[in-house]
Protein backbone atom coordinates (compact mmCIF):
# COMPACT_ATOMS: atom_id res chain seq x y z
CA MET A 1 -65.28 -31.86 85.23
CA PRO A 2 -65.59 -28.21 84.38
CA THR A 3 -65.05 -27.17 80.82
CA THR A 4 -62.76 -24.31 79.82
CA THR A 5 -63.50 -21.68 77.20
CA PRO A 6 -60.97 -21.67 74.38
CA PRO A 7 -59.02 -18.41 74.08
CA GLN A 8 -59.96 -15.96 71.33
CA HIS A 9 -56.29 -15.44 70.40
CA ALA A 10 -53.27 -17.69 70.29
CA THR A 11 -51.28 -18.10 73.45
CA PHE A 12 -47.50 -17.54 73.51
CA PRO A 13 -44.73 -19.16 75.54
CA PRO A 14 -43.63 -17.54 78.78
CA TRP A 15 -40.35 -16.19 77.31
CA SER A 16 -42.34 -13.98 74.90
CA GLN A 17 -44.07 -12.22 77.76
CA SER A 18 -40.80 -11.33 79.46
CA PRO A 19 -39.46 -7.75 79.27
CA ASP A 20 -36.50 -8.85 77.17
CA SER A 21 -38.57 -10.87 74.67
CA VAL A 22 -35.56 -12.89 73.47
CA HIS A 23 -35.87 -16.42 72.15
CA PRO A 24 -33.84 -18.84 74.27
CA ILE A 25 -32.37 -20.55 71.18
CA PHE A 26 -32.50 -18.12 68.22
CA GLY A 27 -31.95 -15.02 70.29
CA ASP A 28 -34.03 -12.74 68.02
CA ALA A 29 -35.98 -9.87 69.49
CA ARG A 30 -39.75 -10.24 69.88
CA LEU A 31 -40.65 -6.75 70.96
CA GLY A 32 -42.84 -5.92 67.97
CA ILE A 33 -44.67 -9.26 67.74
CA VAL A 34 -48.32 -9.11 66.81
CA PRO A 35 -50.61 -11.97 67.91
CA PHE A 36 -52.17 -13.95 65.10
CA ALA A 37 -55.92 -13.50 65.29
CA ARG A 38 -58.00 -16.64 64.88
CA GLY A 39 -61.32 -14.94 65.33
CA ASP A 40 -62.59 -11.57 64.19
CA GLU A 41 -59.84 -9.16 63.19
CA PRO A 42 -59.79 -5.77 64.84
CA LYS A 43 -61.60 -3.11 62.84
CA ASP A 44 -61.26 0.62 62.43
CA ASP A 45 -57.44 0.50 62.65
CA PRO A 46 -56.12 3.79 61.14
CA GLU A 47 -52.54 2.52 60.77
CA ARG A 48 -53.64 -0.60 58.96
CA GLU A 49 -55.86 1.39 56.61
CA SER A 50 -52.97 3.74 55.79
CA LEU A 51 -50.69 0.81 54.96
CA MET A 52 -53.29 -0.72 52.64
CA LYS A 53 -53.76 2.57 50.75
CA GLU A 54 -49.99 2.90 50.30
CA LEU A 55 -49.79 -0.65 48.98
CA VAL A 56 -52.60 -0.05 46.47
CA SER A 57 -50.88 3.14 45.28
CA ASP A 58 -47.57 1.30 44.71
CA LEU A 59 -49.35 -1.40 42.73
CA GLN A 60 -50.99 1.21 40.51
CA VAL A 61 -47.64 2.88 39.77
CA ALA A 62 -46.05 -0.48 38.93
CA THR A 63 -48.93 -1.26 36.61
CA VAL A 64 -48.43 2.00 34.72
CA GLU A 65 -44.70 1.32 34.31
CA LEU A 66 -45.29 -2.21 33.05
CA ASP A 67 -47.86 -0.94 30.55
CA ALA A 68 -45.37 1.64 29.24
CA GLN A 69 -42.65 -0.98 28.79
CA ALA A 70 -45.09 -3.30 27.06
CA ASN A 71 -46.10 -0.54 24.65
CA ALA A 72 -42.45 0.27 23.88
CA LEU A 73 -41.73 -3.39 23.21
CA HIS A 74 -44.76 -3.61 20.98
CA HIS A 75 -43.60 -0.59 18.95
CA ALA A 76 -40.08 -2.06 18.63
CA LEU A 77 -41.43 -5.36 17.36
CA GLN A 78 -43.65 -3.51 14.94
CA HIS A 79 -40.65 -1.53 13.66
CA ILE A 80 -38.67 -4.74 13.13
CA ASN A 81 -41.55 -6.27 11.20
CA ASP A 82 -41.80 -3.15 9.04
CA GLN A 83 -38.06 -3.31 8.29
CA ARG A 84 -38.37 -6.97 7.35
CA LYS A 85 -41.21 -6.19 4.97
CA ARG A 86 -39.19 -3.33 3.45
CA CYS A 87 -36.10 -5.53 2.97
CA LYS A 88 -38.21 -8.24 1.33
CA LYS A 89 -39.73 -5.66 -0.97
CA LEU A 90 -36.31 -4.28 -1.96
CA LEU A 91 -34.89 -7.75 -2.45
CA GLY A 92 -37.80 -8.56 -4.69
CA GLN A 93 -36.91 -5.61 -6.92
CA ARG A 94 -33.28 -6.68 -7.38
CA ASN A 95 -32.12 -9.58 -9.49
CA ASN A 96 -28.44 -9.76 -8.50
CA ILE A 97 -28.04 -9.51 -4.75
CA ASN A 98 -24.67 -10.97 -3.67
CA CYS A 99 -24.15 -9.74 -0.15
CA PRO A 100 -26.26 -8.53 2.80
CA VAL A 101 -23.69 -5.73 3.34
CA LEU A 102 -25.90 -3.67 1.02
CA TRP A 103 -28.28 -2.93 3.86
CA VAL A 104 -25.66 -2.06 6.48
CA THR A 105 -25.06 1.60 7.29
CA ASP A 106 -21.70 3.30 6.74
CA ASP A 107 -21.01 3.61 10.46
CA VAL A 108 -21.50 -0.11 11.01
CA LEU A 109 -19.30 -0.90 8.02
CA SER A 110 -16.53 1.26 9.44
CA ILE A 111 -16.61 -0.59 12.76
CA ILE A 112 -16.54 -4.00 11.06
CA PHE A 113 -13.69 -3.17 8.69
CA ASP A 114 -11.65 -1.37 11.33
CA PHE A 115 -11.87 -4.54 13.43
CA CYS A 116 -10.71 -6.65 10.49
CA ILE A 117 -7.73 -4.36 9.91
CA ASP A 118 -6.72 -4.28 13.58
CA THR A 119 -6.54 -8.07 13.62
CA SER A 120 -4.42 -8.29 10.46
CA PRO A 121 -0.85 -9.70 10.55
CA TRP A 122 0.58 -6.18 10.44
CA ALA A 123 -0.34 -4.28 13.60
CA ARG A 124 -1.47 -1.05 11.94
CA ASP A 125 -0.87 -1.78 8.31
CA MET A 126 -2.88 -3.99 6.06
CA ALA A 127 -1.76 -6.25 3.27
CA VAL A 128 -3.46 -5.13 0.09
CA ASP A 129 -3.21 -8.55 -1.46
CA SER A 130 -5.18 -10.16 1.41
CA THR A 131 -7.76 -7.77 2.84
CA LEU A 132 -8.61 -6.07 -0.42
CA LEU A 133 -8.84 -9.41 -2.11
CA THR A 134 -11.66 -10.22 0.32
CA LEU A 135 -13.35 -6.88 -0.25
CA SER A 136 -13.19 -7.37 -4.01
CA HIS A 137 -15.85 -10.07 -3.71
CA VAL A 138 -18.40 -7.52 -2.55
CA CYS A 139 -20.88 -6.65 -5.26
CA GLU A 140 -20.70 -3.37 -7.14
CA SER A 141 -23.25 -1.61 -4.93
CA GLY A 142 -21.39 -2.74 -1.83
CA ARG A 143 -18.11 -1.47 -3.30
CA LYS A 144 -19.67 1.96 -3.83
CA MET A 145 -20.80 1.95 -0.23
CA LEU A 146 -17.24 1.17 0.90
CA ILE A 147 -15.86 4.05 -1.12
CA ASN A 148 -18.42 6.47 0.30
CA SER A 149 -17.86 5.38 3.89
CA SER A 150 -16.44 8.24 5.94
CA ALA A 151 -14.36 6.33 8.50
CA TYR A 152 -13.05 3.31 6.59
CA TRP A 153 -9.26 3.38 5.99
CA LYS A 154 -8.96 6.91 7.34
CA ASN A 155 -5.94 6.11 9.52
CA THR A 156 -4.98 2.72 8.12
CA GLY A 157 -1.78 1.98 6.30
CA VAL A 158 -0.99 -0.28 3.40
CA THR A 159 1.79 -2.78 2.78
CA LEU A 160 2.88 -3.04 -0.85
CA GLN A 161 4.80 -6.23 -1.57
CA THR A 162 5.77 -5.30 -5.11
CA ASP A 163 7.86 -8.31 -5.98
CA PRO A 164 7.08 -11.22 -8.35
CA GLN A 165 5.97 -13.50 -5.50
CA HIS A 166 3.79 -10.97 -3.67
CA ASP A 167 2.73 -8.61 -6.40
CA VAL A 168 -0.22 -6.36 -5.66
CA PRO A 169 -3.17 -6.79 -8.03
CA LEU A 170 -3.45 -3.32 -9.50
CA PRO A 171 -7.29 -3.24 -9.54
CA LEU A 172 -7.27 -3.86 -5.79
CA LEU A 173 -4.59 -1.24 -5.25
CA ASN A 174 -6.54 1.29 -7.27
CA MET A 175 -9.60 0.50 -5.18
CA PHE A 176 -7.61 1.22 -2.03
CA LEU A 177 -6.29 4.52 -3.37
CA GLU A 178 -9.76 5.51 -4.53
CA ARG A 179 -11.18 4.78 -1.10
CA VAL A 180 -8.47 6.60 0.86
CA GLY A 181 -9.26 9.93 -0.73
CA PRO A 182 -7.55 12.91 0.89
CA HIS A 183 -6.54 11.15 4.13
CA PRO A 184 -2.80 10.65 4.87
CA PHE A 185 -1.82 7.05 5.53
CA PRO A 186 1.33 5.03 6.34
CA VAL A 187 2.94 2.91 3.62
CA ARG A 188 5.37 0.02 3.66
CA VAL A 189 7.00 -0.62 0.29
CA VAL A 190 9.21 -3.56 -0.67
CA PRO A 191 9.98 -2.91 -4.37
CA ARG A 192 11.69 -5.49 -6.52
CA LYS A 193 10.06 -5.17 -9.89
CA LEU A 194 8.10 -2.04 -10.75
CA ASP A 195 6.59 -0.92 -14.03
CA ASP A 196 4.58 1.96 -15.46
CA ASN A 197 1.33 0.54 -14.11
CA HIS A 198 2.62 0.92 -10.57
CA SER A 199 3.78 4.43 -11.37
CA THR A 200 0.25 5.39 -12.43
CA ALA A 201 -1.27 3.85 -9.31
CA PHE A 202 1.16 5.54 -6.91
CA GLY A 203 1.32 8.89 -8.66
CA ASN A 204 -2.01 10.13 -7.32
CA SER A 205 -1.36 9.21 -3.70
CA VAL A 206 2.33 9.72 -2.98
CA HIS A 207 1.67 13.19 -1.55
CA LEU A 208 -0.57 11.58 1.10
CA TRP A 209 1.96 9.13 2.49
CA ARG A 210 2.42 9.95 6.19
CA THR A 211 5.02 7.29 7.10
CA LEU A 212 7.15 5.34 4.64
CA GLU A 213 9.06 2.15 5.33
CA LEU A 214 11.07 1.50 2.18
CA VAL A 215 13.20 -1.58 1.56
CA GLN A 216 15.42 -1.20 -1.52
CA TYR A 217 17.31 -4.15 -2.88
CA ASN A 218 20.41 -3.86 -5.03
CA GLY A 219 19.72 -2.11 -8.31
CA ALA A 220 18.91 1.29 -9.78
CA LEU A 221 17.26 2.97 -6.82
CA GLU A 222 16.69 6.21 -8.72
CA ARG A 223 14.57 4.44 -11.32
CA SER A 224 12.54 2.54 -8.72
CA LEU A 225 11.84 5.60 -6.61
CA GLY A 226 10.76 7.47 -9.70
CA TYR A 227 7.78 5.15 -9.86
CA PHE A 228 6.74 6.35 -6.42
CA GLY A 229 6.77 10.00 -7.37
CA PHE A 230 10.01 11.04 -5.65
CA PRO A 231 11.01 13.68 -5.03
CA ARG A 232 7.39 14.90 -5.07
CA LEU A 233 6.73 13.89 -1.46
CA ALA A 234 4.98 16.83 0.14
CA GLY A 235 4.58 17.80 3.78
CA ALA A 236 2.56 14.72 4.76
CA LEU A 237 5.61 12.45 5.25
CA GLU A 238 6.65 12.50 8.92
CA LYS A 239 8.54 9.22 9.29
CA LEU A 240 11.03 7.58 6.93
CA ASP A 241 12.55 4.15 7.52
CA PHE A 242 14.96 3.39 4.68
CA LEU A 243 16.75 0.04 4.40
CA LEU A 244 19.25 -0.40 1.56
CA ILE A 245 20.37 -3.95 0.79
CA THR A 246 23.23 -3.86 -1.70
CA ASP A 247 26.48 -5.46 -2.73
CA GLU A 248 28.07 -2.16 -3.75
CA ASP A 249 30.66 -0.28 -1.75
CA GLY A 250 32.01 3.24 -1.57
CA ASP A 251 30.02 6.40 -2.22
CA MET A 252 26.27 5.78 -1.97
CA THR A 253 25.09 9.38 -2.14
CA ARG A 254 22.86 8.73 -5.13
CA PHE A 255 20.80 6.25 -3.13
CA PHE A 256 19.65 9.02 -0.75
CA GLN A 257 19.18 11.96 -3.10
CA PRO A 258 15.44 11.28 -3.78
CA PHE A 259 14.62 12.18 -0.16
CA GLU A 260 15.86 15.76 -0.38
CA GLN A 261 12.29 17.08 -0.43
CA CYS A 262 11.31 15.47 2.89
CA GLN A 263 11.20 18.64 4.96
CA ASN A 264 8.81 17.67 7.78
CA LEU A 265 10.41 14.44 8.96
CA ARG A 266 10.17 13.79 12.68
CA ASP A 267 11.52 10.25 12.64
CA LEU A 268 14.40 9.28 10.34
CA LYS A 269 15.98 5.84 10.18
CA ILE A 270 18.74 4.92 7.72
CA ARG A 271 20.19 1.42 7.44
CA VAL A 272 22.60 -0.14 4.96
CA VAL A 273 23.06 -3.90 4.71
CA PHE A 274 25.68 -5.59 2.56
CA TYR A 275 25.13 -9.17 1.51
CA MET A 276 28.79 -10.05 1.04
CA PRO A 277 30.84 -12.98 2.36
CA ARG A 278 32.85 -10.55 4.49
CA LEU A 279 32.15 -7.02 5.58
CA ALA A 280 34.35 -4.49 3.85
CA LYS A 281 33.61 -0.78 4.16
CA LEU A 282 30.36 0.54 5.56
CA SER A 283 29.58 4.23 5.12
CA VAL A 284 26.74 6.70 4.98
CA PRO A 285 27.63 9.66 2.73
CA SER A 286 28.37 12.82 4.66
CA PRO A 287 27.21 15.39 2.05
CA ASN A 288 23.74 13.90 1.87
CA LEU A 289 23.29 14.03 5.64
CA VAL A 290 24.16 17.71 5.55
CA LEU A 291 21.48 18.09 2.90
CA TRP A 292 18.98 16.43 5.22
CA ALA A 293 20.08 18.55 8.16
CA VAL A 294 18.94 21.73 6.44
CA ARG A 295 15.55 20.23 5.55
CA CYS A 296 14.68 18.43 8.82
CA PRO A 297 14.08 21.19 11.37
CA ALA A 298 11.46 19.14 13.25
CA LEU A 299 13.45 15.90 13.57
CA GLU A 300 12.95 14.17 16.93
CA VAL A 301 14.22 10.62 16.34
CA LEU A 302 17.39 9.84 14.37
CA GLU A 303 18.69 6.31 13.82
CA LEU A 304 21.71 5.56 11.66
CA GLY A 305 22.96 2.11 10.75
CA CYS A 306 26.41 1.07 9.58
CA LEU A 307 28.06 4.36 10.51
CA ALA A 308 31.83 4.34 9.89
CA ASP A 309 32.57 8.04 10.18
CA CYS A 310 31.69 10.64 12.84
CA ALA A 311 31.71 13.59 10.42
CA PRO A 312 28.09 13.11 9.21
CA ILE A 313 26.76 13.17 12.77
CA ASP A 314 28.80 16.21 13.75
CA VAL A 315 27.81 18.24 10.71
CA PHE A 316 24.19 17.14 10.79
CA LEU A 317 23.62 18.05 14.42
CA ALA A 318 25.72 21.21 14.33
CA GLN A 319 23.95 22.76 11.34
CA SER A 320 20.39 21.61 11.90
CA ARG A 321 19.98 21.74 15.69
CA PRO A 322 16.68 19.78 15.51
CA PRO A 323 14.62 19.08 18.67
CA LEU A 324 16.23 15.65 18.89
CA ARG A 325 14.93 13.32 21.62
CA ILE A 326 16.33 9.94 20.59
CA LEU A 327 19.63 9.15 18.86
CA ARG A 328 20.49 5.57 17.87
CA ILE A 329 23.74 4.69 16.15
CA GLU A 330 24.80 1.31 14.81
CA THR A 331 28.58 1.33 14.70
CA ASP A 332 31.75 -0.28 16.06
CA ARG A 333 33.94 0.25 19.10
CA ARG A 334 36.29 2.65 17.34
CA ILE A 335 33.52 5.12 16.51
CA VAL A 336 32.03 4.89 19.98
CA ASN A 337 35.41 5.65 21.54
CA LYS A 338 35.82 8.61 19.22
CA LEU A 339 32.35 9.91 20.06
CA GLY A 340 32.94 9.38 23.74
CA ASP A 341 35.37 12.27 24.03
CA GLY A 342 32.78 14.77 22.90
CA ILE A 343 29.48 13.15 23.83
CA ASN A 344 28.91 15.55 26.74
CA GLU A 345 29.50 18.53 24.48
CA LEU A 346 27.32 17.05 21.72
CA CYS A 347 24.37 16.41 24.03
CA SER A 348 24.71 19.79 25.68
CA HIS A 349 23.60 21.39 22.40
CA PHE A 350 20.35 19.41 22.51
CA PRO A 351 18.50 19.99 25.79
CA SER A 352 15.57 17.84 24.62
CA ILE A 353 17.58 14.66 24.02
CA ASP A 354 16.98 11.94 26.59
CA THR A 355 18.09 8.70 24.92
CA VAL A 356 21.32 7.76 23.14
CA ALA A 357 21.71 4.14 21.99
CA PHE A 358 24.78 2.53 20.45
CA ILE A 359 24.32 -0.79 18.65
CA SER A 360 27.30 -2.86 17.65
CA TYR A 361 27.25 -4.70 14.34
CA ASP A 362 30.43 -6.53 15.41
CA PRO A 363 29.40 -9.51 17.56
CA GLN A 364 32.83 -9.48 19.26
CA SER A 365 32.69 -5.80 20.19
CA GLU A 366 31.78 -4.59 23.66
CA LEU A 367 30.76 -0.96 23.70
CA PRO A 368 31.84 1.25 26.62
CA ILE A 369 29.40 3.13 28.81
CA PHE A 370 29.48 6.91 29.19
CA LEU A 371 27.94 8.67 32.16
CA LEU A 372 26.54 12.18 32.07
CA PRO A 373 26.23 13.46 35.65
CA GLU A 374 24.82 16.82 34.51
CA ARG A 375 21.43 15.36 33.66
CA ALA A 376 19.65 12.03 33.51
CA LEU A 377 20.52 10.88 30.01
CA ARG A 378 19.67 7.28 29.22
CA LEU A 379 22.44 5.45 27.38
CA TYR A 380 21.79 2.00 25.93
CA TYR A 381 24.46 -0.42 24.80
CA PRO A 382 22.75 -3.60 23.58
CA THR A 383 24.77 -6.78 23.57
CA ALA A 384 25.37 -8.87 20.48
CA SER A 385 22.47 -11.15 21.42
CA THR A 386 20.00 -8.28 21.16
CA PHE A 387 21.11 -7.28 17.67
CA THR A 388 20.17 -9.33 14.63
CA TRP A 389 22.56 -9.01 11.76
CA MET A 390 21.02 -9.48 8.33
CA CYS A 391 23.22 -11.84 6.39
CA MET A 392 22.08 -12.66 2.89
């Protein structure tokens, strides 16, 4: 039986030798297939030699890049070790180290404290008796770093609960005022019991108050506001939200006189709440509104609560002509009907106004709707369910 010589290269199935070179099952093309050599590989192949040189070059470049990254990592680790040694050396020289905040830079401190303030119960304000109480536990060196920080408390407000149950510790308040420096900031004040110590604390910062939300309970308002430096408020105050809770009736002009110096107000809100068994007479004094009209040339938002007379609105808007955008009035059906006759004429004097809202403090009152076809003026008439009446 004759013997056959084994082939030098592997044999392939018949379908691979066909012009189409398509696998009968997988269907993949086999045009560029290269036979696997079992014996001696072909030599002196220029294409193969070029591919090998390109591969070697790529490996050399990758090696250089890996060496550079390794060196950078080595230098970073060395820097960390040096910082650790430096911190240990500094700690060894100090006897009273209370907090690691000593070794944090001002920029990092600002980010940390801004985050703490943003997550406080008040959206943009902070309660002095909570946040500052935490900061007071920082050691003396850390406190100095807080005061010297450039970004901390720059645009953050403060809530002063100056009543017997939520009194502000004056050392903490003084720390806040010392830290704020020359930056304007918003303030929310709920005064019940003030003394000369508060007057001293507020006296150096009242000219920096940018927005003021003031809740005044029944009593001598003039004396209380005197502790806050009124009427020394300078041009920083842009927004005033004043809520008067009283059991008095009649002329209340004296309650508003301290705000005569507020010349740069852009947002003014006045509310009067009576804690009486039955509502009697609700009024906002007309002469004082005229006084405000002359001194509020930049007013954009005006909100009046418990309005029982149209004369203050007419005189205020006629004399001042501010660039009013939003007008909100809390009143009853009678006043709305009276305003309805001249609402087109009133709004025609203020081309920038786009929103007029009437809020009823009478749960049984349904306010009518006025339409202004001349321009798209938004009129809101909330129902009784959307208005919360404060009943003491």
